[in-house]
Amino acid sequence: MALEGKLDIAQIEWDERPALSVVMASDGYPGSYIKGFPISGINDAEKIGAFIFHAGTKKDEKGNTITDGGRVLGITALGNYLKEAREIAYTAVKKISWKGCFHRTDIGLEE
């Protein structure tokens, strides 16, 4: 819709459930990092209910998703409670990998 200039007709639905996002990044971020590593597991992560937001990705000449930035993916999940959203998000994160990927492990923990 955005590419077609039709956001004015978009149907917006609000979800009251808690959401949690985990950023998966390339080794070296926020400094220098190597691009071009193939990413695996995105489809598996989506199958468990996670939303995968692409940031530093692109398709290679064969159509495979590869890394193309420091902050590569945002893995987001909804749950009836924050704890449930966190469990889904981190389960999805464990399904996704590429050479040198990393992520924080403390998102959504109580202090």
PDB file of N, CA and C in Angstrom:
ATOM      1  N   MET A   1       0.810  -1.196   0.000  1.00  0.00           N
ATOM      2  CA  MET A   1       0.000   0.000   0.000  1.00  0.00           C
ATOM      3  C   MET A   1       0.857   1.265   0.000  1.00  0.00           C
ATOM      4  N   ALA A   2       1.891   1.276   0.824  1.00  0.00           N
ATOM      5  CA  ALA A   2       2.721   2.474   0.901  1.00  0.00           C
ATOM      6  C   ALA A   2       3.388   2.762  -0.436  1.00  0.00           C
ATOM      7  N   LEU A   3       3.882   1.714  -1.090  1.00  0.00           N
ATOM      8  CA  LEU A   3       4.539   1.905  -2.386  1.00  0.00           C
ATOM      9  C   LEU A   3       3.578   2.438  -3.440  1.00  0.00           C
ATOM     10  N   GLU A   4       2.307   2.129  -3.271  1.00  0.00           N
ATOM     11  CA  GLU A   4       1.302   2.577  -4.229  1.00  0.00           C
ATOM     12  C   GLU A   4       0.666   3.904  -3.829  1.00  0.00           C
ATOM     13  N   GLY A   5       1.096   4.485  -2.700  1.00  0.00           N
ATOM     14  CA  GLY A   5       0.545   5.755  -2.241  1.00  0.00           C
ATOM     15  C   GLY A   5      -0.884   5.650  -1.743  1.00  0.00           C
ATOM     16  N   LYS A   6      -1.242   4.508  -1.168  1.00  0.00           N
ATOM     17  CA  LYS A   6      -2.623   4.277  -0.746  1.00  0.00           C
ATOM     18  C   LYS A   6      -2.775   4.106   0.766  1.00  0.00           C
ATOM     19  N   LEU A   7      -1.903   4.709   1.546  1.00  0.00           N
ATOM     20  CA  LEU A   7      -2.012   4.565   2.992  1.00  0.00           C
ATOM     21  C   LEU A   7      -3.295   5.175   3.538  1.00  0.00           C
ATOM     22  N   ASP A   8      -3.872   6.107   2.800  1.00  0.00           N
ATOM     23  CA  ASP A   8      -5.103   6.746   3.268  1.00  0.00           C
ATOM     24  C   ASP A   8      -6.283   5.771   3.313  1.00  0.00           C
ATOM     25  N   ILE A   9      -6.184   4.629   2.657  1.00  0.00           N
ATOM     26  CA  ILE A   9      -7.275   3.654   2.689  1.00  0.00           C
ATOM     27  C   ILE A   9      -6.918   2.412   3.515  1.00  0.00           C
ATOM     28  N   ALA A  10      -5.798   2.458   4.202  1.00  0.00           N
ATOM     29  CA  ALA A  10      -5.357   1.315   5.008  1.00  0.00           C
ATOM     30  C   ALA A  10      -6.315   1.072   6.169  1.00  0.00           C
ATOM     31  N   GLN A  11      -6.608  -0.182   6.423  1.00  0.00           N
ATOM     32  CA  GLN A  11      -7.424  -0.584   7.566  1.00  0.00           C
ATOM     33  C   GLN A  11      -6.476  -0.903   8.726  1.00  0.00           C
ATOM     34  N   ILE A  12      -6.563  -0.138   9.795  1.00  0.00           N
ATOM     35  CA  ILE A  12      -5.687  -0.324  10.949  1.00  0.00           C
ATOM     36  C   ILE A  12      -6.444  -1.088  12.029  1.00  0.00           C
ATOM     37  N   GLU A  13      -5.836  -2.147  12.534  1.00  0.00           N
ATOM     38  CA  GLU A  13      -6.417  -2.912  13.632  1.00  0.00           C
ATOM     39  C   GLU A  13      -5.460  -2.852  14.818  1.00  0.00           C
ATOM     40  N   TRP A  14      -5.967  -2.515  15.982  1.00  0.00           N
ATOM     41  CA  TRP A  14      -5.166  -2.410  17.194  1.00  0.00           C
ATOM     42  C   TRP A  14      -5.251  -3.717  17.961  1.00  0.00           C
ATOM     43  N   ASP A  15      -4.135  -4.193  18.472  1.00  0.00           N
ATOM     44  CA  ASP A  15      -4.088  -5.400  19.285  1.00  0.00           C
ATOM     45  C   ASP A  15      -3.617  -4.999  20.674  1.00  0.00           C
ATOM     46  N   GLU A  16      -4.402  -5.301  21.681  1.00  0.00           N
ATOM     47  CA  GLU A  16      -4.103  -4.891  23.061  1.00  0.00           C
ATOM     48  C   GLU A  16      -3.060  -5.774  23.745  1.00  0.00           C
ATOM     49  N   ARG A  17      -2.717  -6.896  23.126  1.00  0.00           N
ATOM     50  CA  ARG A  17      -1.773  -7.807  23.768  1.00  0.00           C
ATOM     51  C   ARG A  17      -0.369  -7.201  23.841  1.00  0.00           C
ATOM     52  N   PRO A  18       0.408  -7.598  24.851  1.00  0.00           N
ATOM     53  CA  PRO A  18       1.798  -7.149  24.927  1.00  0.00           C
ATOM     54  C   PRO A  18       2.615  -7.683  23.748  1.00  0.00           C
ATOM     55  N   ALA A  19       3.553  -6.872  23.295  1.00  0.00           N
ATOM     56  CA  ALA A  19       4.474  -7.266  22.226  1.00  0.00           C
ATOM     57  C   ALA A  19       5.904  -7.121  22.731  1.00  0.00           C
ATOM     58  N   LEU A  20       6.784  -7.929  22.188  1.00  0.00           N
ATOM     59  CA  LEU A  20       8.198  -7.859  22.546  1.00  0.00           C
ATOM     60  C   LEU A  20       9.022  -8.084  21.290  1.00  0.00           C
ATOM     61  N   SER A  21      10.059  -7.268  21.118  1.00  0.00           N
ATOM     62  CA  SER A  21      10.947  -7.384  19.951  1.00  0.00           C
ATOM     63  C   SER A  21      12.389  -7.598  20.387  1.00  0.00           C
ATOM     64  N   VAL A  22      13.054  -8.476  19.661  1.00  0.00           N
ATOM     65  CA  VAL A  22      14.477  -8.739  19.866  1.00  0.00           C
ATOM     66  C   VAL A  22      15.187  -8.432  18.552  1.00  0.00           C
ATOM     67  N   VAL A  23      16.191  -7.577  18.609  1.00  0.00           N
ATOM     68  CA  VAL A  23      16.979  -7.268  17.413  1.00  0.00           C
ATOM     69  C   VAL A  23      18.102  -8.285  17.286  1.00  0.00           C
ATOM     70  N   MET A  24      18.211  -8.863  16.098  1.00  0.00           N
ATOM     71  CA  MET A  24      19.337  -9.745  15.782  1.00  0.00           C
ATOM     72  C   MET A  24      20.311  -8.942  14.932  1.00  0.00           C
ATOM     73  N   ALA A  25      21.571  -8.931  15.334  1.00  0.00           N
ATOM     74  CA  ALA A  25      22.566  -8.074  14.696  1.00  0.00           C
ATOM     75  C   ALA A  25      23.758  -8.888  14.198  1.00  0.00           C
ATOM     76  N   SER A  26      24.550  -8.240  13.354  1.00  0.00           N
ATOM     77  CA  SER A  26      25.770  -8.848  12.815  1.00  0.00           C
ATOM     78  C   SER A  26      26.937  -8.629  13.764  1.00  0.00           C
ATOM     79  N   ASP A  27      27.801  -9.634  13.865  1.00  0.00           N
ATOM     80  CA  ASP A  27      29.001  -9.529  14.683  1.00  0.00           C
ATOM     81  C   ASP A  27      29.783  -8.284  14.281  1.00  0.00           C
ATOM     82  N   GLY A  28      30.152  -7.496  15.276  1.00  0.00           N
ATOM     83  CA  GLY A  28      30.874  -6.256  15.023  1.00  0.00           C
ATOM     84  C   GLY A  28      30.005  -5.024  15.185  1.00  0.00           C
ATOM     85  N   TYR A  29      28.679  -5.187  15.054  1.00  0.00           N
ATOM     86  CA  TYR A  29      27.763  -4.059  15.214  1.00  0.00           C
ATOM     87  C   TYR A  29      27.844  -3.554  16.647  1.00  0.00           C
ATOM     88  N   PRO A  30      27.903  -2.275  16.935  1.00  0.00           N
ATOM     89  CA  PRO A  30      27.651  -1.139  16.049  1.00  0.00           C
ATOM     90  C   PRO A  30      28.872  -0.651  15.290  1.00  0.00           C
ATOM     91  N   GLY A  31      29.967  -1.339  15.390  1.00  0.00           N
ATOM     92  CA  GLY A  31      31.158  -0.980  14.619  1.00  0.00           C
ATOM     93  C   GLY A  31      31.096  -1.596  13.236  1.00  0.00           C
ATOM     94  N   SER A  32      32.230  -2.046  12.748  1.00  0.00           N
ATOM     95  CA  SER A  32      32.265  -2.629  11.401  1.00  0.00           C
ATOM     96  C   SER A  32      31.827  -4.093  11.444  1.00  0.00           C
ATOM     97  N   TYR A  33      31.240  -4.545  10.364  1.00  0.00           N
ATOM     98  CA  TYR A  33      30.726  -5.904  10.260  1.00  0.00           C
ATOM     99  C   TYR A  33      30.803  -6.334   8.802  1.00  0.00           C
ATOM    100  N   ILE A  34      30.778  -7.628   8.583  1.00  0.00           N
ATOM    101  CA  ILE A  34      30.825  -8.183   7.229  1.00  0.00           C
ATOM    102  C   ILE A  34      29.403  -8.456   6.763  1.00  0.00           C
ATOM    103  N   LYS A  35      29.113  -8.129   5.518  1.00  0.00           N
ATOM    104  CA  LYS A  35      27.796  -8.357   4.918  1.00  0.00           C
ATOM    105  C   LYS A  35      27.837  -9.598   4.030  1.00  0.00           C
ATOM    106  N   GLY A  36      26.662 -10.073   3.649  1.00  0.00           N
ATOM    107  CA  GLY A  36      26.564 -11.129   2.650  1.00  0.00           C
ATOM    108  C   GLY A  36      26.404 -12.544   3.165  1.00  0.00           C
ATOM    109  N   PHE A  37      26.185 -12.726   4.470  1.00  0.00           N
ATOM    110  CA  PHE A  37      25.997 -14.072   5.002  1.00  0.00           C
ATOM    111  C   PHE A  37      24.559 -14.536   4.783  1.00  0.00           C
ATOM    112  N   PRO A  38      24.354 -15.786   4.326  1.00  0.00           N
ATOM    113  CA  PRO A  38      22.995 -16.307   4.164  1.00  0.00           C
ATOM    114  C   PRO A  38      22.304 -16.466   5.520  1.00  0.00           C
ATOM    115  N   ILE A  39      21.027 -16.141   5.551  1.00  0.00           N
ATOM    116  CA  ILE A  39      20.221 -16.237   6.772  1.00  0.00           C
ATOM    117  C   ILE A  39      19.304 -17.454   6.652  1.00  0.00           C
ATOM    118  N   SER A  40      19.306 -18.302   7.661  1.00  0.00           N
ATOM    119  CA  SER A  40      18.422 -19.474   7.657  1.00  0.00           C
ATOM    120  C   SER A  40      17.420 -19.384   8.805  1.00  0.00           C
ATOM    121  N   GLY A  41      16.293 -20.076   8.634  1.00  0.00           N
ATOM    122  CA  GLY A  41      15.321 -20.231   9.716  1.00  0.00           C
ATOM    123  C   GLY A  41      14.209 -19.209   9.787  1.00  0.00           C
ATOM    124  N   ILE A  42      14.164 -18.248   8.876  1.00  0.00           N
ATOM    125  CA  ILE A  42      13.121 -17.222   8.949  1.00  0.00           C
ATOM    126  C   ILE A  42      11.730 -17.845   8.840  1.00  0.00           C
ATOM    127  N   ASN A  43      11.536 -18.742   7.890  1.00  0.00           N
ATOM    128  CA  ASN A  43      10.221 -19.384   7.734  1.00  0.00           C
ATOM    129  C   ASN A  43       9.832 -20.174   8.977  1.00  0.00           C
ATOM    130  N   ASP A  44      10.782 -20.858   9.580  1.00  0.00           N
ATOM    131  CA  ASP A  44      10.499 -21.618  10.799  1.00  0.00           C
ATOM    132  C   ASP A  44      10.082 -20.692  11.938  1.00  0.00           C
ATOM    133  N   ALA A  45      10.712 -19.538  12.038  1.00  0.00           N
ATOM    134  CA  ALA A  45      10.363 -18.573  13.080  1.00  0.00           C
ATOM    135  C   ALA A  45       8.961 -18.015  12.865  1.00  0.00           C
ATOM    136  N   GLU A  46       8.602 -17.771  11.622  1.00  0.00           N
ATOM    137  CA  GLU A  46       7.262 -17.261  11.327  1.00  0.00           C
ATOM    138  C   GLU A  46       6.188 -18.303  11.634  1.00  0.00           C
ATOM    139  N   LYS A  47       6.500 -19.571  11.461  1.00  0.00           N
ATOM    140  CA  LYS A  47       5.531 -20.649  11.706  1.00  0.00           C
ATOM    141  C   LYS A  47       5.079 -20.717  13.158  1.00  0.00           C
ATOM    142  N   ILE A  48       5.901 -20.251  14.097  1.00  0.00           N
ATOM    143  CA  ILE A  48       5.500 -20.297  15.504  1.00  0.00           C
ATOM    144  C   ILE A  48       4.793 -19.019  15.937  1.00  0.00           C
ATOM    145  N   GLY A  49       4.563 -18.117  14.998  1.00  0.00           N
ATOM    146  CA  GLY A  49       3.785 -16.924  15.298  1.00  0.00           C
ATOM    147  C   GLY A  49       4.573 -15.644  15.459  1.00  0.00           C
ATOM    148  N   ALA A  50       5.855 -15.661  15.198  1.00  0.00           N
ATOM    149  CA  ALA A  50       6.661 -14.442  15.299  1.00  0.00           C
ATOM    150  C   ALA A  50       6.539 -13.625  14.015  1.00  0.00           C
ATOM    151  N   PHE A  51       6.688 -12.330  14.157  1.00  0.00           N
ATOM    152  CA  PHE A  51       6.732 -11.416  13.019  1.00  0.00           C
ATOM    153  C   PHE A  51       8.192 -11.048  12.797  1.00  0.00           C
ATOM    154  N   ILE A  52       8.662 -11.167  11.575  1.00  0.00           N
ATOM    155  CA  ILE A  52      10.060 -10.898  11.260  1.00  0.00           C
ATOM    156  C   ILE A  52      10.131  -9.605  10.460  1.00  0.00           C
ATOM    157  N   PHE A  53      10.763  -8.586  11.040  1.00  0.00           N
ATOM    158  CA  PHE A  53      10.925  -7.296  10.378  1.00  0.00           C
ATOM    159  C   PHE A  53      12.356  -7.190   9.851  1.00  0.00           C
ATOM    160  N   HIS A  54      12.473  -7.035   8.553  1.00  0.00           N
ATOM    161  CA  HIS A  54      13.782  -6.965   7.904  1.00  0.00           C
ATOM    162  C   HIS A  54      14.313  -5.536   7.979  1.00  0.00           C
ATOM    163  N   ALA A  55      15.580  -5.415   8.326  1.00  0.00           N
ATOM    164  CA  ALA A  55      16.251  -4.112   8.371  1.00  0.00           C
ATOM    165  C   ALA A  55      17.495  -4.180   7.497  1.00  0.00           C
ATOM    166  N   GLY A  56      18.503  -4.920   7.937  1.00  0.00           N
ATOM    167  CA  GLY A  56      19.744  -5.047   7.182  1.00  0.00           C
ATOM    168  C   GLY A  56      19.784  -6.352   6.418  1.00  0.00           C
ATOM    169  N   THR A  57      18.841  -6.528   5.487  1.00  0.00           N
ATOM    170  CA  THR A  57      18.816  -7.732   4.654  1.00  0.00           C
ATOM    171  C   THR A  57      18.648  -7.344   3.196  1.00  0.00           C
ATOM    172  N   LYS A  58      18.963  -8.287   2.328  1.00  0.00           N
ATOM    173  CA  LYS A  58      18.653  -8.142   0.902  1.00  0.00           C
ATOM    174  C   LYS A  58      18.643  -9.537   0.295  1.00  0.00           C
ATOM    175  N   LYS A  59      18.214  -9.635  -0.953  1.00  0.00           N
ATOM    176  CA  LYS A  59      18.220 -10.904  -1.678  1.00  0.00           C
ATOM    177  C   LYS A  59      19.488 -10.972  -2.520  1.00  0.00           C
ATOM    178  N   ASP A  60      20.113 -12.149  -2.552  1.00  0.00           N
ATOM    179  CA  ASP A  60      21.265 -12.325  -3.435  1.00  0.00           C
ATOM    180  C   ASP A  60      20.776 -12.670  -4.842  1.00  0.00           C
ATOM    181  N   GLU A  61      21.703 -12.956  -5.744  1.00  0.00           N
ATOM    182  CA  GLU A  61      21.343 -13.217  -7.144  1.00  0.00           C
ATOM    183  C   GLU A  61      20.483 -14.471  -7.313  1.00  0.00           C
ATOM    184  N   LYS A  62      20.485 -15.356  -6.312  1.00  0.00           N
ATOM    185  CA  LYS A  62      19.661 -16.570  -6.365  1.00  0.00           C
ATOM    186  C   LYS A  62      18.339 -16.416  -5.611  1.00  0.00           C
ATOM    187  N   GLY A  63      18.112 -15.240  -5.030  1.00  0.00           N
ATOM    188  CA  GLY A  63      16.874 -15.004  -4.292  1.00  0.00           C
ATOM    189  C   GLY A  63      16.921 -15.372  -2.829  1.00  0.00           C
ATOM    190  N   ASN A  64      18.101 -15.710  -2.327  1.00  0.00           N
ATOM    191  CA  ASN A  64      18.253 -16.041  -0.912  1.00  0.00           C
ATOM    192  C   ASN A  64      18.393 -14.764  -0.088  1.00  0.00           C
ATOM    193  N   THR A  65      17.849 -14.771   1.119  1.00  0.00           N
ATOM    194  CA  THR A  65      17.986 -13.630   2.017  1.00  0.00           C
ATOM    195  C   THR A  65      19.363 -13.666   2.660  1.00  0.00           C
ATOM    196  N   ILE A  66      20.080 -12.539   2.562  1.00  0.00           N
ATOM    197  CA  ILE A  66      21.426 -12.437   3.131  1.00  0.00           C
ATOM    198  C   ILE A  66      21.533 -11.169   3.963  1.00  0.00           C
ATOM    199  N   THR A  67      22.553 -11.121   4.811  1.00  0.00           N
ATOM    200  CA  THR A  67      22.775  -9.938   5.640  1.00  0.00           C
ATOM    201  C   THR A  67      23.290  -8.781   4.788  1.00  0.00           C
ATOM    202  N   ASP A  68      22.860  -7.580   5.156  1.00  0.00           N
ATOM    203  CA  ASP A  68      23.303  -6.387   4.433  1.00  0.00           C
ATOM    204  C   ASP A  68      23.372  -5.179   5.362  1.00  0.00           C
ATOM    205  N   GLY A  69      23.559  -5.435   6.661  1.00  0.00           N
ATOM    206  CA  GLY A  69      23.635  -4.338   7.612  1.00  0.00           C
ATOM    207  C   GLY A  69      23.993  -4.851   8.988  1.00  0.00           C
ATOM    208  N   GLY A  70      24.044  -3.937   9.944  1.00  0.00           N
ATOM    209  CA  GLY A  70      24.386  -4.280  11.313  1.00  0.00           C
ATOM    210  C   GLY A  70      23.201  -4.792  12.102  1.00  0.00           C
ATOM    211  N   ARG A  71      22.111  -4.015  12.089  1.00  0.00           N
ATOM    212  CA  ARG A  71      20.857  -4.455  12.714  1.00  0.00           C
ATOM    213  C   ARG A  71      20.076  -5.179  11.625  1.00  0.00           C
ATOM    214  N   VAL A  72      20.114  -6.482  11.626  1.00  0.00           N
ATOM    215  CA  VAL A  72      19.647  -7.282  10.496  1.00  0.00           C
ATOM    216  C   VAL A  72      18.148  -7.561  10.559  1.00  0.00           C
ATOM    217  N   LEU A  73      17.668  -8.096  11.674  1.00  0.00           N
ATOM    218  CA  LEU A  73      16.263  -8.476  11.800  1.00  0.00           C
ATOM    219  C   LEU A  73      15.698  -8.038  13.146  1.00  0.00           C
ATOM    220  N   GLY A  74      14.419  -7.728  13.165  1.00  0.00           N
ATOM    221  CA  GLY A  74      13.672  -7.509  14.398  1.00  0.00           C
ATOM    222  C   GLY A  74      12.662  -8.637  14.529  1.00  0.00           C
ATOM    223  N   ILE A  75      12.772  -9.408  15.587  1.00  0.00           N
ATOM    224  CA  ILE A  75      11.885 -10.546  15.812  1.00  0.00           C
ATOM    225  C   ILE A  75      10.865 -10.118  16.859  1.00  0.00           C
ATOM    226  N   THR A  76       9.598 -10.071  16.463  1.00  0.00           N
ATOM    227  CA  THR A  76       8.541  -9.557  17.330  1.00  0.00           C
ATOM    228  C   THR A  76       7.482 -10.620  17.553  1.00  0.00           C
ATOM    229  N   ALA A  77       6.992 -10.692  18.785  1.00  0.00           N
ATOM    230  CA  ALA A  77       5.926 -11.640  19.115  1.00  0.00           C
ATOM    231  C   ALA A  77       4.906 -10.972  20.022  1.00  0.00           C
ATOM    232  N   LEU A  78       3.679 -11.448  19.919  1.00  0.00           N
ATOM    233  CA  LEU A  78       2.590 -11.027  20.788  1.00  0.00           C
ATOM    234  C   LEU A  78       2.259 -12.168  21.732  1.00  0.00           C
ATOM    235  N   GLY A  79       1.765 -11.830  22.917  1.00  0.00           N
ATOM    236  CA  GLY A  79       1.330 -12.856  23.858  1.00  0.00           C
ATOM    237  C   GLY A  79       0.241 -12.309  24.748  1.00  0.00           C
ATOM    238  N   ASN A  80      -0.443 -13.189  25.442  1.00  0.00           N
ATOM    239  CA  ASN A  80      -1.464 -12.729  26.383  1.00  0.00           C
ATOM    240  C   ASN A  80      -0.822 -12.011  27.562  1.00  0.00           C
ATOM    241  N   TYR A  81       0.421 -12.355  27.833  1.00  0.00           N
ATOM    242  CA  TYR A  81       1.217 -11.715  28.883  1.00  0.00           C
ATOM    243  C   TYR A  81       2.600 -11.441  28.303  1.00  0.00           C
ATOM    244  N   LEU A  82       3.331 -10.503  28.892  1.00  0.00           N
ATOM    245  CA  LEU A  82       4.673 -10.188  28.407  1.00  0.00           C
ATOM    246  C   LEU A  82       5.562 -11.429  28.416  1.00  0.00           C
ATOM    247  N   LYS A  83       5.438 -12.242  29.452  1.00  0.00           N
ATOM    248  CA  LYS A  83       6.250 -13.460  29.545  1.00  0.00           C
ATOM    249  C   LYS A  83       6.007 -14.367  28.337  1.00  0.00           C
ATOM    250  N   GLU A  84       4.755 -14.494  27.918  1.00  0.00           N
ATOM    251  CA  GLU A  84       4.434 -15.332  26.762  1.00  0.00           C
ATOM    252  C   GLU A  84       5.011 -14.737  25.477  1.00  0.00           C
ATOM    253  N   ALA A  85       4.890 -13.424  25.299  1.00  0.00           N
ATOM    254  CA  ALA A  85       5.464 -12.765  24.121  1.00  0.00           C
ATOM    255  C   ALA A  85       6.973 -12.978  24.088  1.00  0.00           C
ATOM    256  N   ARG A  86       7.608 -12.883  25.248  1.00  0.00           N
ATOM    257  CA  ARG A  86       9.058 -13.083  25.341  1.00  0.00           C
ATOM    258  C   ARG A  86       9.438 -14.512  24.956  1.00  0.00           C
ATOM    259  N   GLU A  87       8.689 -15.480  25.459  1.00  0.00           N
ATOM    260  CA  GLU A  87       8.984 -16.881  25.145  1.00  0.00           C
ATOM    261  C   GLU A  87       8.869 -17.152  23.645  1.00  0.00           C
ATOM    262  N   ILE A  88       7.831 -16.621  23.019  1.00  0.00           N
ATOM    263  CA  ILE A  88       7.645 -16.828  21.579  1.00  0.00           C
ATOM    264  C   ILE A  88       8.769 -16.150  20.798  1.00  0.00           C
ATOM    265  N   ALA A  89       9.083 -14.902  21.166  1.00  0.00           N
ATOM    266  CA  ALA A  89      10.131 -14.164  20.449  1.00  0.00           C
ATOM    267  C   ALA A  89      11.476 -14.878  20.543  1.00  0.00           C
ATOM    268  N   TYR A  90      11.864 -15.292  21.738  1.00  0.00           N
ATOM    269  CA  TYR A  90      13.168 -15.945  21.888  1.00  0.00           C
ATOM    270  C   TYR A  90      13.190 -17.354  21.297  1.00  0.00           C
ATOM    271  N   THR A  91      12.054 -18.036  21.269  1.00  0.00           N
ATOM    272  CA  THR A  91      11.990 -19.323  20.568  1.00  0.00           C
ATOM    273  C   THR A  91      12.221 -19.102  19.080  1.00  0.00           C
ATOM    274  N   ALA A  92      11.630 -18.039  18.549  1.00  0.00           N
ATOM    275  CA  ALA A  92      11.824 -17.699  17.131  1.00  0.00           C
ATOM    276  C   ALA A  92      13.273 -17.314  16.853  1.00  0.00           C
ATOM    277  N   VAL A  93      13.873 -16.533  17.738  1.00  0.00           N
ATOM    278  CA  VAL A  93      15.273 -16.123  17.571  1.00  0.00           C
ATOM    279  C   VAL A  93      16.180 -17.349  17.461  1.00  0.00           C
ATOM    280  N   LYS A  94      15.904 -18.374  18.260  1.00  0.00           N
ATOM    281  CA  LYS A  94      16.738 -19.586  18.244  1.00  0.00           C
ATOM    282  C   LYS A  94      16.656 -20.338  16.919  1.00  0.00           C
ATOM    283  N   LYS A  95      15.613 -20.094  16.143  1.00  0.00           N
ATOM    284  CA  LYS A  95      15.440 -20.773  14.856  1.00  0.00           C
ATOM    285  C   LYS A  95      16.181 -20.072  13.718  1.00  0.00           C
ATOM    286  N   ILE A  96      16.583 -18.827  13.932  1.00  0.00           N
ATOM    287  CA  ILE A  96      17.211 -18.015  12.884  1.00  0.00           C
ATOM    288  C   ILE A  96      18.712 -17.945  13.136  1.00  0.00           C
ATOM    289  N   SER A  97      19.492 -18.064  12.053  1.00  0.00           N
ATOM    290  CA  SER A  97      20.941 -17.952  12.234  1.00  0.00           C
ATOM    291  C   SER A  97      21.637 -17.507  10.955  1.00  0.00           C
ATOM    292  N   TRP A  98      22.808 -16.952  11.150  1.00  0.00           N
ATOM    293  CA  TRP A  98      23.774 -16.667  10.092  1.00  0.00           C
ATOM    294  C   TRP A  98      25.130 -16.548  10.772  1.00  0.00           C
ATOM    295  N   LYS A  99      26.178 -16.597  10.015  1.00  0.00           N
ATOM    296  CA  LYS A  99      27.523 -16.524  10.584  1.00  0.00           C
ATOM    297  C   LYS A  99      27.700 -15.186  11.295  1.00  0.00           C
ATOM    298  N   GLY A 100      27.991 -15.253  12.590  1.00  0.00           N
ATOM    299  CA  GLY A 100      28.271 -14.052  13.360  1.00  0.00           C
ATOM    300  C   GLY A 100      27.055 -13.328  13.899  1.00  0.00           C
ATOM    301  N   CYS A 101      25.882 -13.957  13.921  1.00  0.00           N
ATOM    302  CA  CYS A 101      24.711 -13.245  14.458  1.00  0.00           C
ATOM    303  C   CYS A 101      24.765 -13.228  15.985  1.00  0.00           C
ATOM    304  N   PHE A 102      24.189 -12.184  16.563  1.00  0.00           N
ATOM    305  CA  PHE A 102      24.068 -12.118  18.014  1.00  0.00           C
ATOM    306  C   PHE A 102      22.835 -11.302  18.365  1.00  0.00           C
ATOM    307  N   HIS A 103      22.425 -11.411  19.628  1.00  0.00           N
ATOM    308  CA  HIS A 103      21.261 -10.684  20.133  1.00  0.00           C
ATOM    309  C   HIS A 103      21.377 -10.579  21.642  1.00  0.00           C
ATOM    310  N   ARG A 104      20.676  -9.610  22.184  1.00  0.00           N
ATOM    311  CA  ARG A 104      20.610  -9.505  23.641  1.00  0.00           C
ATOM    312  C   ARG A 104      19.719 -10.616  24.178  1.00  0.00           C
ATOM    313  N   THR A 105      19.972 -11.018  25.410  1.00  0.00           N
ATOM    314  CA  THR A 105      19.181 -12.084  26.027  1.00  0.00           C
ATOM    315  C   THR A 105      18.337 -11.583  27.198  1.00  0.00           C
ATOM    316  N   ASP A 106      18.362 -10.281  27.444  1.00  0.00           N
ATOM    317  CA  ASP A 106      17.676  -9.735  28.619  1.00  0.00           C
ATOM    318  C   ASP A 106      16.428  -8.910  28.299  1.00  0.00           C
ATOM    319  N   ILE A 107      15.984  -8.908  27.055  1.00  0.00           N
ATOM    320  CA  ILE A 107      14.819  -8.115  26.688  1.00  0.00           C
ATOM    321  C   ILE A 107      13.581  -8.691  27.382  1.00  0.00           C
ATOM    322  N   GLY A 108      12.834  -7.847  28.063  1.00  0.00           N
ATOM    323  CA  GLY A 108      11.594  -8.257  28.713  1.00  0.00           C
ATOM    324  C   GLY A 108      11.754  -8.871  30.085  1.00  0.00           C
ATOM    325  N   LEU A 109      12.967  -8.930  30.602  1.00  0.00           N
ATOM    326  CA  LEU A 109      13.156  -9.451  31.957  1.00  0.00           C
ATOM    327  C   LEU A 109      12.834  -8.368  32.973  1.00  0.00           C
ATOM    328  N   GLU A 110      12.262  -8.787  34.082  1.00  0.00           N
ATOM    329  CA  GLU A 110      11.993  -7.830  35.157  1.00  0.00           C
ATOM    330  C   GLU A 110      13.282  -7.565  35.915  1.00  0.00           C
ATOM    331  N   GLU A 111      13.420  -6.342  36.383  1.00  0.00           N
ATOM    332  CA  GLU A 111      14.637  -5.982  37.131  1.00  0.00           C
ATOM    333  C   GLU A 111      14.548  -6.425  38.562  1.00  0.00           C
TER     334      GLU A 111
END
